[in-house]
Structures are given as structure tokens and as C-alpha cells.
N, C-alpha and C. Protein backbone atom coordinates (compact mmCIF):
# COMPACT_ATOMS: atom_id res chain seq x y z
N VAL A 1 38.45 2.16 29.42
CA VAL A 1 38.05 0.80 29.71
C VAL A 1 36.67 0.77 30.38
N THR A 2 36.40 1.70 31.27
CA THR A 2 35.13 1.66 32.00
C THR A 2 33.95 2.12 31.15
N PHE A 3 34.18 3.01 30.17
CA PHE A 3 33.07 3.51 29.37
C PHE A 3 32.37 2.40 28.58
N PRO A 4 33.11 1.52 27.87
CA PRO A 4 32.43 0.43 27.17
C PRO A 4 31.67 -0.50 28.11
N ILE A 5 32.20 -0.73 29.29
CA ILE A 5 31.51 -1.57 30.26
C ILE A 5 30.22 -0.89 30.73
N GLY A 6 30.28 0.42 30.95
CA GLY A 6 29.09 1.17 31.33
C GLY A 6 28.04 1.17 30.25
N VAL A 7 28.45 1.37 29.00
CA VAL A 7 27.50 1.36 27.88
C VAL A 7 26.87 -0.02 27.76
N ALA A 8 27.68 -1.07 27.90
CA ALA A 8 27.15 -2.43 27.83
C ALA A 8 26.15 -2.69 28.96
N SER A 9 26.46 -2.22 30.15
CA SER A 9 25.56 -2.41 31.30
C SER A 9 24.23 -1.70 31.08
N PHE A 10 24.29 -0.46 30.62
CA PHE A 10 23.06 0.26 30.35
C PHE A 10 22.31 -0.36 29.17
N GLY A 11 23.03 -0.88 28.20
CA GLY A 11 22.39 -1.57 27.08
C GLY A 11 21.63 -2.79 27.54
N ILE A 12 22.23 -3.56 28.45
CA ILE A 12 21.54 -4.73 29.00
C ILE A 12 20.29 -4.29 29.76
N ALA A 13 20.39 -3.20 30.50
CA ALA A 13 19.22 -2.67 31.22
C ALA A 13 18.11 -2.30 30.24
N GLN A 14 18.46 -1.69 29.11
CA GLN A 14 17.43 -1.31 28.13
C GLN A 14 16.76 -2.55 27.53
N VAL A 15 17.55 -3.60 27.28
CA VAL A 15 16.98 -4.85 26.77
C VAL A 15 16.02 -5.44 27.80
N LEU A 16 16.41 -5.41 29.07
CA LEU A 16 15.53 -5.94 30.12
C LEU A 16 14.26 -5.11 30.26
N TYR A 17 14.40 -3.78 30.20
CA TYR A 17 13.20 -2.93 30.22
C TYR A 17 12.29 -3.28 29.04
N SER A 18 12.87 -3.42 27.86
CA SER A 18 12.07 -3.77 26.68
C SER A 18 11.36 -5.09 26.87
N PHE A 19 12.06 -6.08 27.41
CA PHE A 19 11.47 -7.39 27.64
C PHE A 19 10.31 -7.30 28.63
N ILE A 20 10.50 -6.58 29.72
CA ILE A 20 9.44 -6.45 30.72
C ILE A 20 8.22 -5.74 30.12
N ILE A 21 8.48 -4.64 29.42
CA ILE A 21 7.37 -3.86 28.85
C ILE A 21 6.62 -4.67 27.81
N ILE A 22 7.33 -5.33 26.91
CA ILE A 22 6.67 -6.05 25.83
C ILE A 22 5.96 -7.30 26.35
N SER A 23 6.45 -7.86 27.46
CA SER A 23 5.78 -9.04 28.00
C SER A 23 4.36 -8.73 28.45
N PHE A 24 4.09 -7.48 28.80
CA PHE A 24 2.73 -7.08 29.18
C PHE A 24 1.81 -6.91 27.98
N SER A 25 2.36 -6.56 26.84
CA SER A 25 1.50 -6.09 25.76
C SER A 25 1.60 -6.83 24.44
N LEU A 26 2.60 -7.66 24.23
CA LEU A 26 2.79 -8.25 22.91
C LEU A 26 1.63 -9.13 22.49
N MET A 27 1.10 -9.92 23.39
CA MET A 27 0.00 -10.83 23.03
C MET A 27 -1.27 -10.06 22.66
N ARG A 28 -1.41 -8.85 23.17
CA ARG A 28 -2.60 -8.05 22.87
C ARG A 28 -2.38 -7.08 21.72
N ALA A 29 -1.14 -6.92 21.30
CA ALA A 29 -0.82 -5.93 20.28
C ALA A 29 -1.25 -6.42 18.90
N SER A 30 -1.85 -5.52 18.15
CA SER A 30 -2.19 -5.83 16.76
C SER A 30 -1.00 -5.44 15.88
N TYR A 31 -1.03 -5.94 14.66
CA TYR A 31 0.03 -5.54 13.72
C TYR A 31 0.02 -4.04 13.51
N TYR A 32 -1.17 -3.46 13.56
CA TYR A 32 -1.30 -2.02 13.41
C TYR A 32 -0.57 -1.28 14.54
N ASN A 33 -0.78 -1.73 15.80
CA ASN A 33 -0.08 -1.12 16.95
C ASN A 33 1.43 -1.20 16.80
N ILE A 34 1.89 -2.36 16.39
CA ILE A 34 3.33 -2.58 16.24
C ILE A 34 3.88 -1.71 15.11
N LEU A 35 3.17 -1.67 13.99
CA LEU A 35 3.64 -0.92 12.83
C LEU A 35 3.63 0.59 13.10
N VAL A 36 2.53 1.11 13.61
CA VAL A 36 2.43 2.55 13.84
C VAL A 36 3.44 3.01 14.88
N SER A 37 3.56 2.26 15.97
CA SER A 37 4.52 2.66 17.00
C SER A 37 5.95 2.57 16.46
N GLY A 38 6.24 1.55 15.68
CA GLY A 38 7.56 1.43 15.07
C GLY A 38 7.86 2.59 14.13
N LEU A 39 6.88 2.98 13.34
CA LEU A 39 7.07 4.11 12.42
C LEU A 39 7.29 5.42 13.19
N CYS A 40 6.57 5.59 14.29
CA CYS A 40 6.75 6.80 15.11
C CYS A 40 8.17 6.88 15.67
N VAL A 41 8.66 5.77 16.21
CA VAL A 41 10.01 5.76 16.79
C VAL A 41 11.05 5.92 15.68
N MET A 42 10.84 5.27 14.54
CA MET A 42 11.79 5.42 13.44
C MET A 42 11.83 6.86 12.93
N ALA A 43 10.67 7.52 12.90
CA ALA A 43 10.65 8.92 12.48
C ALA A 43 11.44 9.79 13.47
N LEU A 44 11.27 9.55 14.75
CA LEU A 44 12.03 10.29 15.76
C LEU A 44 13.53 10.02 15.61
N ASP A 45 13.88 8.75 15.44
CA ASP A 45 15.29 8.40 15.25
C ASP A 45 15.86 9.04 13.98
N ALA A 46 15.09 9.02 12.92
CA ALA A 46 15.55 9.64 11.66
C ALA A 46 15.78 11.13 11.85
N LEU A 47 14.88 11.79 12.57
CA LEU A 47 15.05 13.22 12.83
C LEU A 47 16.34 13.47 13.61
N VAL A 48 16.57 12.68 14.64
CA VAL A 48 17.79 12.83 15.44
C VAL A 48 19.02 12.58 14.56
N LEU A 49 18.98 11.54 13.75
CA LEU A 49 20.13 11.23 12.90
C LEU A 49 20.38 12.30 11.85
N VAL A 50 19.32 12.86 11.30
CA VAL A 50 19.50 13.96 10.33
C VAL A 50 20.15 15.15 11.01
N LEU A 51 19.72 15.43 12.23
CA LEU A 51 20.27 16.58 12.94
C LEU A 51 21.73 16.41 13.33
N VAL A 52 22.16 15.17 13.58
CA VAL A 52 23.53 14.96 14.06
C VAL A 52 24.44 14.26 13.05
N SER A 53 23.92 13.81 11.93
CA SER A 53 24.69 12.95 11.04
C SER A 53 25.98 13.59 10.54
N GLN A 54 25.92 14.84 10.11
CA GLN A 54 27.11 15.48 9.58
C GLN A 54 28.18 15.61 10.66
N ARG A 55 27.78 16.05 11.82
CA ARG A 55 28.74 16.20 12.91
C ARG A 55 29.26 14.84 13.38
N LEU A 56 28.38 13.84 13.42
CA LEU A 56 28.78 12.51 13.84
C LEU A 56 29.81 11.93 12.86
N LYS A 57 29.62 12.15 11.60
CA LYS A 57 30.58 11.68 10.59
C LYS A 57 31.94 12.33 10.80
N ILE A 58 31.95 13.63 11.05
CA ILE A 58 33.21 14.34 11.29
C ILE A 58 33.91 13.77 12.53
N VAL A 59 33.13 13.56 13.59
CA VAL A 59 33.71 13.04 14.84
C VAL A 59 34.28 11.64 14.61
N LEU A 60 33.52 10.76 13.94
CA LEU A 60 33.98 9.39 13.74
C LEU A 60 35.15 9.31 12.77
N ASP A 61 35.22 10.21 11.81
CA ASP A 61 36.35 10.22 10.87
C ASP A 61 37.65 10.68 11.51
N ASN A 62 37.56 11.48 12.54
CA ASN A 62 38.74 12.09 13.14
C ASN A 62 39.15 11.48 14.47
N VAL A 63 38.71 10.29 14.73
CA VAL A 63 39.09 9.67 16.00
C VAL A 63 39.93 8.43 15.73
N ASN A 64 40.67 8.04 16.74
CA ASN A 64 41.48 6.84 16.59
C ASN A 64 40.60 5.59 16.74
N ARG A 65 41.20 4.43 16.59
CA ARG A 65 40.45 3.18 16.58
C ARG A 65 39.71 2.92 17.88
N ASN A 66 40.32 3.22 19.01
CA ASN A 66 39.66 3.00 20.30
C ASN A 66 38.43 3.88 20.45
N ARG A 67 38.54 5.13 20.03
CA ARG A 67 37.39 6.05 20.11
C ARG A 67 36.31 5.64 19.10
N ARG A 68 36.71 5.06 17.99
CA ARG A 68 35.72 4.60 17.01
C ARG A 68 34.87 3.48 17.61
N LEU A 69 35.49 2.61 18.41
CA LEU A 69 34.74 1.56 19.11
C LEU A 69 33.69 2.18 20.01
N ILE A 70 34.03 3.24 20.68
CA ILE A 70 33.08 3.93 21.54
C ILE A 70 31.92 4.48 20.70
N GLY A 71 32.23 5.04 19.52
CA GLY A 71 31.18 5.53 18.63
C GLY A 71 30.24 4.41 18.20
N VAL A 72 30.79 3.24 17.89
CA VAL A 72 29.96 2.09 17.51
C VAL A 72 29.09 1.66 18.69
N LEU A 73 29.66 1.65 19.88
CA LEU A 73 28.88 1.28 21.07
C LEU A 73 27.74 2.27 21.31
N ILE A 74 28.00 3.54 21.08
CA ILE A 74 26.95 4.54 21.26
C ILE A 74 25.83 4.32 20.25
N ILE A 75 26.18 4.01 19.01
CA ILE A 75 25.16 3.74 17.98
C ILE A 75 24.34 2.50 18.36
N LEU A 76 25.01 1.44 18.81
CA LEU A 76 24.28 0.24 19.25
C LEU A 76 23.36 0.55 20.43
N TYR A 77 23.85 1.36 21.36
CA TYR A 77 23.03 1.74 22.50
C TYR A 77 21.82 2.56 22.05
N PHE A 78 22.03 3.43 21.08
CA PHE A 78 20.94 4.24 20.53
C PHE A 78 19.85 3.31 19.95
N ILE A 79 20.27 2.24 19.31
CA ILE A 79 19.31 1.27 18.77
C ILE A 79 18.54 0.61 19.92
N LEU A 80 19.24 0.24 20.99
CA LEU A 80 18.57 -0.40 22.13
C LEU A 80 17.61 0.53 22.85
N ILE A 81 17.99 1.79 23.02
CA ILE A 81 17.09 2.74 23.68
C ILE A 81 15.86 3.01 22.80
N SER A 82 16.06 2.98 21.49
CA SER A 82 14.93 3.14 20.57
C SER A 82 14.01 1.92 20.64
N LEU A 83 14.59 0.74 20.78
CA LEU A 83 13.79 -0.48 20.95
C LEU A 83 12.93 -0.38 22.20
N MET A 84 13.52 0.10 23.28
CA MET A 84 12.77 0.25 24.52
C MET A 84 11.64 1.27 24.36
N LEU A 85 11.93 2.37 23.67
CA LEU A 85 10.89 3.37 23.43
C LEU A 85 9.78 2.78 22.57
N TRP A 86 10.15 1.99 21.58
CA TRP A 86 9.17 1.35 20.71
C TRP A 86 8.26 0.42 21.49
N THR A 87 8.84 -0.41 22.37
CA THR A 87 8.01 -1.33 23.14
C THR A 87 7.08 -0.57 24.09
N ALA A 88 7.55 0.53 24.64
CA ALA A 88 6.70 1.33 25.53
C ALA A 88 5.56 1.96 24.75
N LEU A 89 5.83 2.37 23.53
CA LEU A 89 4.76 2.97 22.71
C LEU A 89 3.74 1.90 22.30
N ILE A 90 4.21 0.69 22.01
CA ILE A 90 3.28 -0.41 21.74
C ILE A 90 2.37 -0.63 22.94
N MET A 91 2.97 -0.66 24.13
CA MET A 91 2.18 -0.86 25.35
C MET A 91 1.14 0.25 25.51
N PHE A 92 1.53 1.48 25.24
CA PHE A 92 0.59 2.59 25.35
C PHE A 92 -0.57 2.41 24.36
N PHE A 93 -0.26 2.04 23.11
CA PHE A 93 -1.32 1.85 22.12
C PHE A 93 -2.24 0.68 22.49
N VAL A 94 -1.69 -0.35 23.10
CA VAL A 94 -2.49 -1.53 23.46
C VAL A 94 -3.42 -1.22 24.63
N PHE A 95 -2.89 -0.66 25.70
CA PHE A 95 -3.69 -0.44 26.90
C PHE A 95 -4.38 0.92 26.91
N PHE A 96 -3.76 1.92 26.36
CA PHE A 96 -4.28 3.28 26.25
C PHE A 96 -4.92 3.75 27.56
N ASN A 97 -4.13 3.65 28.65
CA ASN A 97 -4.57 4.13 29.95
C ASN A 97 -3.45 4.94 30.59
N ILE A 98 -3.71 5.46 31.77
CA ILE A 98 -2.74 6.33 32.43
C ILE A 98 -1.46 5.58 32.78
N SER A 99 -1.58 4.32 33.18
CA SER A 99 -0.40 3.54 33.53
C SER A 99 0.52 3.33 32.33
N SER A 100 -0.05 3.00 31.19
CA SER A 100 0.77 2.80 29.99
C SER A 100 1.34 4.13 29.49
N PHE A 101 0.60 5.21 29.70
CA PHE A 101 1.14 6.52 29.34
C PHE A 101 2.33 6.88 30.23
N ILE A 102 2.23 6.56 31.51
CA ILE A 102 3.33 6.81 32.44
C ILE A 102 4.57 6.01 32.01
N GLY A 103 4.36 4.76 31.61
CA GLY A 103 5.48 3.93 31.13
C GLY A 103 6.10 4.50 29.87
N PHE A 104 5.26 4.97 28.94
CA PHE A 104 5.78 5.57 27.71
C PHE A 104 6.54 6.86 28.03
N LEU A 105 6.00 7.66 28.92
CA LEU A 105 6.67 8.90 29.31
C LEU A 105 8.03 8.60 29.95
N GLY A 106 8.10 7.56 30.78
CA GLY A 106 9.37 7.14 31.36
C GLY A 106 10.37 6.73 30.29
N ALA A 107 9.91 5.97 29.31
CA ALA A 107 10.80 5.55 28.21
C ALA A 107 11.27 6.76 27.41
N LEU A 108 10.37 7.70 27.18
CA LEU A 108 10.73 8.91 26.44
C LEU A 108 11.76 9.73 27.21
N LEU A 109 11.61 9.80 28.53
CA LEU A 109 12.60 10.52 29.35
C LEU A 109 13.97 9.83 29.33
N PHE A 110 13.98 8.50 29.31
CA PHE A 110 15.24 7.78 29.14
C PHE A 110 15.89 8.17 27.83
N TYR A 111 15.09 8.21 26.79
CA TYR A 111 15.58 8.56 25.46
C TYR A 111 16.20 9.96 25.49
N VAL A 112 15.50 10.92 26.10
CA VAL A 112 16.00 12.29 26.19
C VAL A 112 17.28 12.35 27.03
N SER A 113 17.29 11.65 28.15
CA SER A 113 18.45 11.64 29.02
C SER A 113 19.68 11.12 28.29
N ASP A 114 19.54 9.98 27.66
CA ASP A 114 20.68 9.37 26.97
C ASP A 114 21.06 10.14 25.72
N LEU A 115 20.08 10.73 25.07
CA LEU A 115 20.38 11.55 23.90
C LEU A 115 21.17 12.80 24.29
N SER A 116 20.86 13.38 25.44
CA SER A 116 21.61 14.56 25.87
C SER A 116 23.06 14.21 26.20
N ILE A 117 23.28 13.00 26.71
CA ILE A 117 24.66 12.55 26.95
C ILE A 117 25.38 12.38 25.62
N ALA A 118 24.73 11.74 24.67
CA ALA A 118 25.35 11.52 23.36
C ALA A 118 25.61 12.84 22.64
N MET A 119 24.68 13.77 22.75
CA MET A 119 24.84 15.07 22.08
C MET A 119 26.05 15.82 22.61
N SER A 120 26.29 15.71 23.91
CA SER A 120 27.44 16.42 24.46
C SER A 120 28.75 15.82 23.97
N ALA A 121 28.72 14.54 23.58
CA ALA A 121 29.93 13.92 23.03
C ALA A 121 30.13 14.28 21.57
N VAL A 122 29.05 14.54 20.85
CA VAL A 122 29.12 14.78 19.40
C VAL A 122 29.28 16.26 19.07
N PHE A 123 28.59 17.11 19.81
CA PHE A 123 28.60 18.54 19.49
C PHE A 123 29.54 19.30 20.41
N PRO A 124 30.19 20.33 19.87
CA PRO A 124 31.16 21.06 20.69
C PRO A 124 30.52 21.98 21.72
N PHE A 125 29.26 22.36 21.53
CA PHE A 125 28.66 23.28 22.49
C PHE A 125 28.22 22.53 23.75
N ARG A 126 28.16 23.25 24.80
CA ARG A 126 27.78 22.67 26.07
C ARG A 126 26.28 22.89 26.30
N ILE A 127 25.64 21.85 26.80
CA ILE A 127 24.24 21.96 27.17
C ILE A 127 24.19 22.52 28.58
N PHE A 128 23.46 23.61 28.75
CA PHE A 128 23.39 24.27 30.05
C PHE A 128 22.87 23.29 31.09
N ARG A 129 23.62 23.14 32.14
CA ARG A 129 23.26 22.27 33.26
C ARG A 129 22.95 20.85 32.78
N ARG A 130 23.77 20.32 31.89
CA ARG A 130 23.55 18.99 31.30
C ARG A 130 23.46 17.91 32.36
N ARG A 131 24.34 17.94 33.34
CA ARG A 131 24.31 16.90 34.37
C ARG A 131 23.00 16.90 35.14
N ILE A 132 22.51 18.09 35.44
CA ILE A 132 21.22 18.18 36.14
C ILE A 132 20.11 17.65 35.25
N LEU A 133 20.12 18.03 33.97
CA LEU A 133 19.12 17.55 33.02
C LEU A 133 19.17 16.03 32.93
N VAL A 134 20.36 15.47 32.81
CA VAL A 134 20.50 14.03 32.69
C VAL A 134 19.98 13.33 33.94
N MET A 135 20.37 13.79 35.11
CA MET A 135 19.97 13.12 36.33
C MET A 135 18.46 13.24 36.60
N ILE A 136 17.89 14.41 36.34
CA ILE A 136 16.45 14.58 36.55
C ILE A 136 15.67 13.68 35.61
N THR A 137 16.03 13.67 34.32
CA THR A 137 15.31 12.83 33.37
C THR A 137 15.55 11.35 33.65
N TYR A 138 16.77 10.99 34.04
CA TYR A 138 17.10 9.59 34.29
C TYR A 138 16.31 9.04 35.49
N TYR A 139 16.36 9.72 36.61
CA TYR A 139 15.67 9.22 37.79
C TYR A 139 14.15 9.30 37.66
N THR A 140 13.67 10.32 36.98
CA THR A 140 12.23 10.40 36.73
C THR A 140 11.79 9.25 35.83
N ALA A 141 12.60 8.94 34.82
CA ALA A 141 12.29 7.82 33.93
C ALA A 141 12.24 6.51 34.72
N GLN A 142 13.22 6.29 35.58
CA GLN A 142 13.23 5.08 36.42
C GLN A 142 11.95 4.99 37.24
N LEU A 143 11.59 6.09 37.87
CA LEU A 143 10.39 6.12 38.72
C LEU A 143 9.13 5.83 37.90
N LEU A 144 8.99 6.48 36.75
CA LEU A 144 7.79 6.30 35.93
C LEU A 144 7.67 4.88 35.40
N ILE A 145 8.77 4.30 34.96
CA ILE A 145 8.72 2.93 34.47
C ILE A 145 8.38 1.96 35.60
N THR A 146 8.92 2.20 36.78
CA THR A 146 8.62 1.35 37.94
C THR A 146 7.14 1.46 38.30
N ILE A 147 6.60 2.67 38.32
CA ILE A 147 5.17 2.86 38.60
C ILE A 147 4.32 2.11 37.58
N CYS A 148 4.70 2.23 36.32
CA CYS A 148 3.97 1.56 35.25
C CYS A 148 3.98 0.04 35.43
N VAL A 149 5.16 -0.52 35.66
CA VAL A 149 5.28 -1.97 35.79
C VAL A 149 4.49 -2.48 37.00
N LEU A 150 4.50 -1.73 38.08
CA LEU A 150 3.78 -2.15 39.28
C LEU A 150 2.27 -2.01 39.14
N SER A 151 1.81 -1.17 38.22
CA SER A 151 0.36 -0.94 38.12
C SER A 151 -0.29 -1.60 36.92
N VAL A 152 0.47 -2.22 36.05
CA VAL A 152 -0.14 -2.86 34.87
C VAL A 152 -0.69 -4.21 35.24
């Protein structure tokens, strides 16, 4: 019961991050900035999906209905974290300064942090010191995005 609520809460946070980031840069963004950054994030997402798709299919096929809901929530969250990464990359392309780079790096660390959590659910092998990796990337991402928002 708590896992779907947690995923929903983090999903809302990613939407809010995306809104804050894009509010700084959307009016200045060209179609080229939006398109190129979108293609970059889609390429990264496609790479991740290619790497995990076979295993993800096996996991989703062999779970009960409640666990399948969790799989759907994870996929929706993956879309939201990708949206946040996309908006941060747009901001970097628009401003192309150290502050926007810090914001993009924070978004990328969020992506890595959440991807490592998802990978541990999909793959049977254990990521060495996964909790430490998740917490370091998560808190560093929070700090970098906060620095970016305060300095833009």
C-alpha cells in the first residue's frame, strides 16, 4: 500500500521540478533547443529500455495483478523523471551557463538514482552498495537543483 503512495509522491515532485525548471526557460527556448534536448533524452530512455526490456517483460509476465500495478507505476514514474531531465536539458541549452549545467547535472543524478532503484527491482543481481549510491545521488541531485533554482 505504501509503495504506490511513495511513487505517486515522488512523481508529483518530478512534475513540480519540471514546472519550476521549464518556467525559467520555455519562453527563451527555440524549437531547436526543445527538439534536440528531447531527442537526447529519448535516446537515453531508448538505451535503458533496450537494456532492460527483456527482463522487464519476464518480470511483468510473472507477477500477480497487484505487482503489475507497481510495474505500471514505475513505468509512469520513468516517464516523469525523463520529462524532468528533458526540461533541465532545455534549460541548459537555453542559458548555457554554469547554473544551468548544475541544474542539468542534478536532474541527471535524479535519473541515475531512480534508475538504480528500478534496476534492483528488475534484475536479480545486487548493485554493490545500492543504498549508498541512491542516497548520495539523490541528495546531491536535490542540492544541485536547489542551487540552480536559486541562482537562475
